[in-house]
Protein backbone atom coordinates (compact mmCIF):
# COMPACT_ATOMS: atom_id res chain seq x y z
CA MET A 1 19.85 -1.14 12.77
CA LYS A 2 17.81 -2.30 9.78
CA LEU A 3 15.43 -5.25 9.68
CA LEU A 4 14.79 -6.94 6.34
CA ILE A 5 11.75 -9.21 6.04
CA HIS A 6 11.53 -10.93 2.67
CA ASP A 7 10.17 -13.91 0.78
CA LEU A 8 12.93 -14.14 -1.84
CA LYS A 9 15.02 -17.21 -2.55
CA ALA A 10 18.44 -16.98 -0.86
CA ASP A 11 20.32 -16.92 -4.18
CA ASP A 12 18.15 -14.10 -5.55
CA LEU A 13 18.60 -12.07 -2.38
CA LYS A 14 22.38 -12.33 -2.58
CA LYS A 15 22.43 -11.66 -6.33
CA ILE A 16 20.39 -8.50 -6.15
CA PHE A 17 21.04 -7.05 -2.70
CA SER A 18 24.46 -8.30 -1.59
CA ASN A 19 25.69 -4.72 -1.18
CA ILE A 20 23.07 -3.81 1.48
CA LEU A 21 22.95 -6.97 3.60
CA ASP A 22 25.70 -6.06 6.07
CA ASP A 23 24.58 -4.94 9.52
CA MET A 24 20.99 -6.07 8.92
CA ILE A 25 18.78 -8.49 10.73
CA ILE A 26 17.45 -10.66 7.92
CA ILE A 27 14.22 -12.59 8.28
CA SER A 28 13.76 -15.10 5.50
CA ASP A 29 11.67 -18.20 4.88
CA ASP A 30 13.51 -21.37 5.76
CA GLY A 31 10.29 -23.40 5.91
CA THR A 32 10.21 -23.65 9.72
CA ILE A 33 7.95 -20.75 10.69
CA HIS A 34 4.89 -21.67 12.72
CA ASN A 35 1.65 -19.72 12.42
CA CYS A 36 0.59 -17.33 15.15
CA ILE A 37 -2.10 -19.16 17.11
CA GLY A 38 -3.62 -16.04 18.66
CA CYS A 39 -2.99 -17.28 22.20
CA PHE A 40 -1.74 -13.88 23.42
CA GLY A 41 0.99 -15.67 25.39
CA CYS A 42 3.38 -13.01 24.11
CA TRP A 43 1.43 -10.51 26.16
CA ILE A 44 0.50 -12.60 29.20
CA LYS A 45 2.92 -15.50 29.72
CA THR A 46 6.17 -14.21 28.20
CA PRO A 47 5.78 -10.44 27.67
CA ALA A 48 7.46 -9.24 24.46
CA ALA A 49 8.39 -12.76 23.29
CA CYS A 50 6.32 -15.28 21.36
CA VAL A 51 5.62 -18.54 23.19
CA ILE A 52 6.14 -20.53 19.99
CA HIS A 53 9.77 -21.60 20.11
CA ASP A 54 11.10 -21.27 16.60
CA LYS A 55 13.57 -18.81 15.13
CA TYR A 56 10.78 -16.24 14.62
CA LYS A 57 9.85 -15.97 18.31
CA ASP A 58 11.92 -12.80 18.81
CA MET A 59 10.25 -10.58 16.21
CA GLY A 60 9.17 -8.11 18.90
CA GLU A 61 12.75 -7.76 20.10
CA TYR A 62 14.05 -7.36 16.55
CA LEU A 63 11.56 -4.57 15.89
CA SER A 64 12.51 -2.89 19.17
CA LYS A 65 16.14 -2.63 18.06
CA CYS A 66 15.64 -1.30 14.57
CA SER A 67 15.16 2.09 13.02
CA ASP A 68 14.25 0.79 9.57
CA VAL A 69 12.07 -2.09 8.42
CA ILE A 70 12.35 -3.15 4.81
CA ILE A 71 9.76 -5.59 3.52
CA ILE A 72 10.09 -7.36 0.19
CA SER A 73 7.04 -9.43 -0.69
CA GLU A 74 5.26 -10.89 -3.62
CA CYS A 75 1.94 -9.07 -3.96
CA CYS A 76 -0.71 -11.71 -3.30
CA TYR A 77 -4.25 -10.51 -4.05
CA GLY A 78 -3.37 -7.03 -2.81
CA GLY A 79 -1.52 -8.16 0.28
CA PHE A 80 1.67 -9.68 1.57
CA SER A 81 2.83 -13.17 0.69
CA PRO A 82 1.82 -15.85 3.23
CA PHE A 83 5.33 -15.93 4.75
CA VAL A 84 5.61 -12.15 5.17
CA LYS A 85 2.08 -11.97 6.59
CA ASN A 86 2.99 -14.69 9.07
CA VAL A 87 6.12 -12.81 10.17
CA LEU A 88 4.06 -9.66 10.72
CA ASP A 89 1.51 -11.67 12.72
CA ARG A 90 4.33 -13.04 14.85
CA SER A 91 5.49 -9.45 15.49
CA ILE A 92 2.67 -8.53 17.89
CA PRO A 93 4.97 -8.96 20.94
CA TYR A 94 6.37 -5.58 19.85
CA LEU A 95 3.17 -4.02 21.21
CA HIS A 96 1.49 -3.92 24.61
CA PRO A 97 -1.89 -5.56 25.04
CA TYR A 98 -3.24 -2.21 26.28
CA PHE A 99 -5.11 0.13 23.98
CA ILE A 100 -4.88 3.79 23.03
CA ILE A 101 -6.82 5.89 20.52
CA LYS A 102 -4.89 6.91 17.37
CA ASN A 103 -6.62 8.90 14.65
CA GLY A 104 -9.98 8.11 16.22
CA GLU A 105 -9.28 4.34 16.15
CA MET A 106 -8.34 1.93 18.90
CA HIS A 107 -4.83 0.47 18.59
CA HIS A 108 -2.32 -1.26 20.84
CA ARG A 109 0.10 0.87 22.83
CA ARG A 110 3.79 0.82 21.96
CA ARG A 111 6.07 -1.24 24.15
CA TYR A 112 9.31 0.41 22.96
CA ASN A 113 10.39 3.99 22.24
CA ASN A 114 12.26 3.47 18.98
CA ASN A 115 11.05 5.16 15.81
CA ILE A 116 10.73 2.92 12.75
CA ASN A 117 10.74 3.91 9.10
CA MET A 118 9.13 1.32 6.82
CA GLN A 119 9.84 0.63 3.18
CA VAL A 120 7.73 -1.96 1.35
CA TYR A 121 8.55 -3.44 -2.04
CA PHE A 122 5.91 -5.57 -3.73
CA TYR A 123 6.71 -7.58 -6.84
CA GLY A 124 4.54 -9.49 -9.29
CA GLN A 125 3.87 -9.67 -13.01
CA ASN A 126 0.17 -8.83 -13.08
CA ILE A 127 -0.56 -6.58 -10.11
CA THR A 128 -3.82 -4.77 -10.84
CA GLU A 129 -4.54 -1.19 -9.80
CA ARG A 130 -7.10 -2.48 -7.30
CA GLU A 131 -4.48 -4.79 -5.76
CA ARG A 132 -2.05 -1.86 -5.54
CA GLN A 133 -4.59 0.24 -3.69
CA THR A 134 -5.43 -2.62 -1.33
CA ALA A 135 -1.73 -3.25 -0.65
CA LYS A 136 -1.16 0.44 0.12
CA LYS A 137 -4.06 0.37 2.59
CA ILE A 138 -2.64 -2.73 4.29
CA VAL A 139 0.79 -1.13 4.58
CA LYS A 140 -0.78 2.00 6.05
CA ALA A 141 -2.80 -0.07 8.55
CA ASN A 142 0.32 -2.01 9.57
CA SER A 143 2.26 1.24 10.00
CA ILE A 144 -0.44 2.59 12.31
CA ASN A 145 -0.48 -0.66 14.30
CA LEU A 146 3.32 -0.71 14.63
CA ASP A 147 3.46 3.07 15.10
CA CYS A 148 5.96 3.60 12.30
CA ILE A 149 6.38 5.91 9.32
CA VAL A 150 5.99 4.59 5.77
CA ASP A 151 8.88 5.93 3.69
CA LYS A 152 7.73 4.29 0.50
CA VAL A 153 5.65 1.57 -1.10
CA VAL A 154 7.03 0.37 -4.43
CA PHE A 155 5.56 -2.03 -6.98
CA THR A 156 7.74 -3.82 -9.51
CA HIS A 157 7.12 -6.48 -12.13
CA ASN A 158 10.03 -8.58 -10.90
CA ILE A 159 12.61 -8.57 -8.15
CA PHE A 160 15.44 -7.45 -10.43
CA GLU A 161 13.75 -4.04 -10.88
CA MET A 162 14.30 -3.41 -7.14
CA LYS A 163 18.08 -3.40 -7.45
CA GLY A 164 19.43 -0.02 -6.43
CA GLN A 165 16.10 1.20 -5.00
CA ILE A 166 16.49 -0.16 -1.48
CA LEU A 167 18.41 1.99 0.99
């Protein structure tokens, strides 16, 4: 299964990507997401599920069931848009609170055995080279934390340039 996390307007998503939306879990901004409060309840009180009861509380479960994660985000100062960043923060229930060493760094241990391929598409009119490099580093860090493979990181000037690029 594929998981699509995006910050696009609903009309734009349907206009550009209507042909790929079937059989996907789609995470979009409806204005109701709450911020992760760093309480670690998803590890202690309700393992694998966020204790904040909104429609984003099951991000860990969604990640556990997918083989592909596609992220579409405006590039904001070399990072994800606030909504996409918030969704990724709310995804920590996917991991155990226990640590392991990966590439000489300490990271959380996987909770699930699925393998995830990640594709990230950043859009924005004036993305500088420095912002591109920062965004690539953030994607790499997130892929290490989520123990997934980055298939590609793409930068476009606008969302319409993405049409046909997403698998």
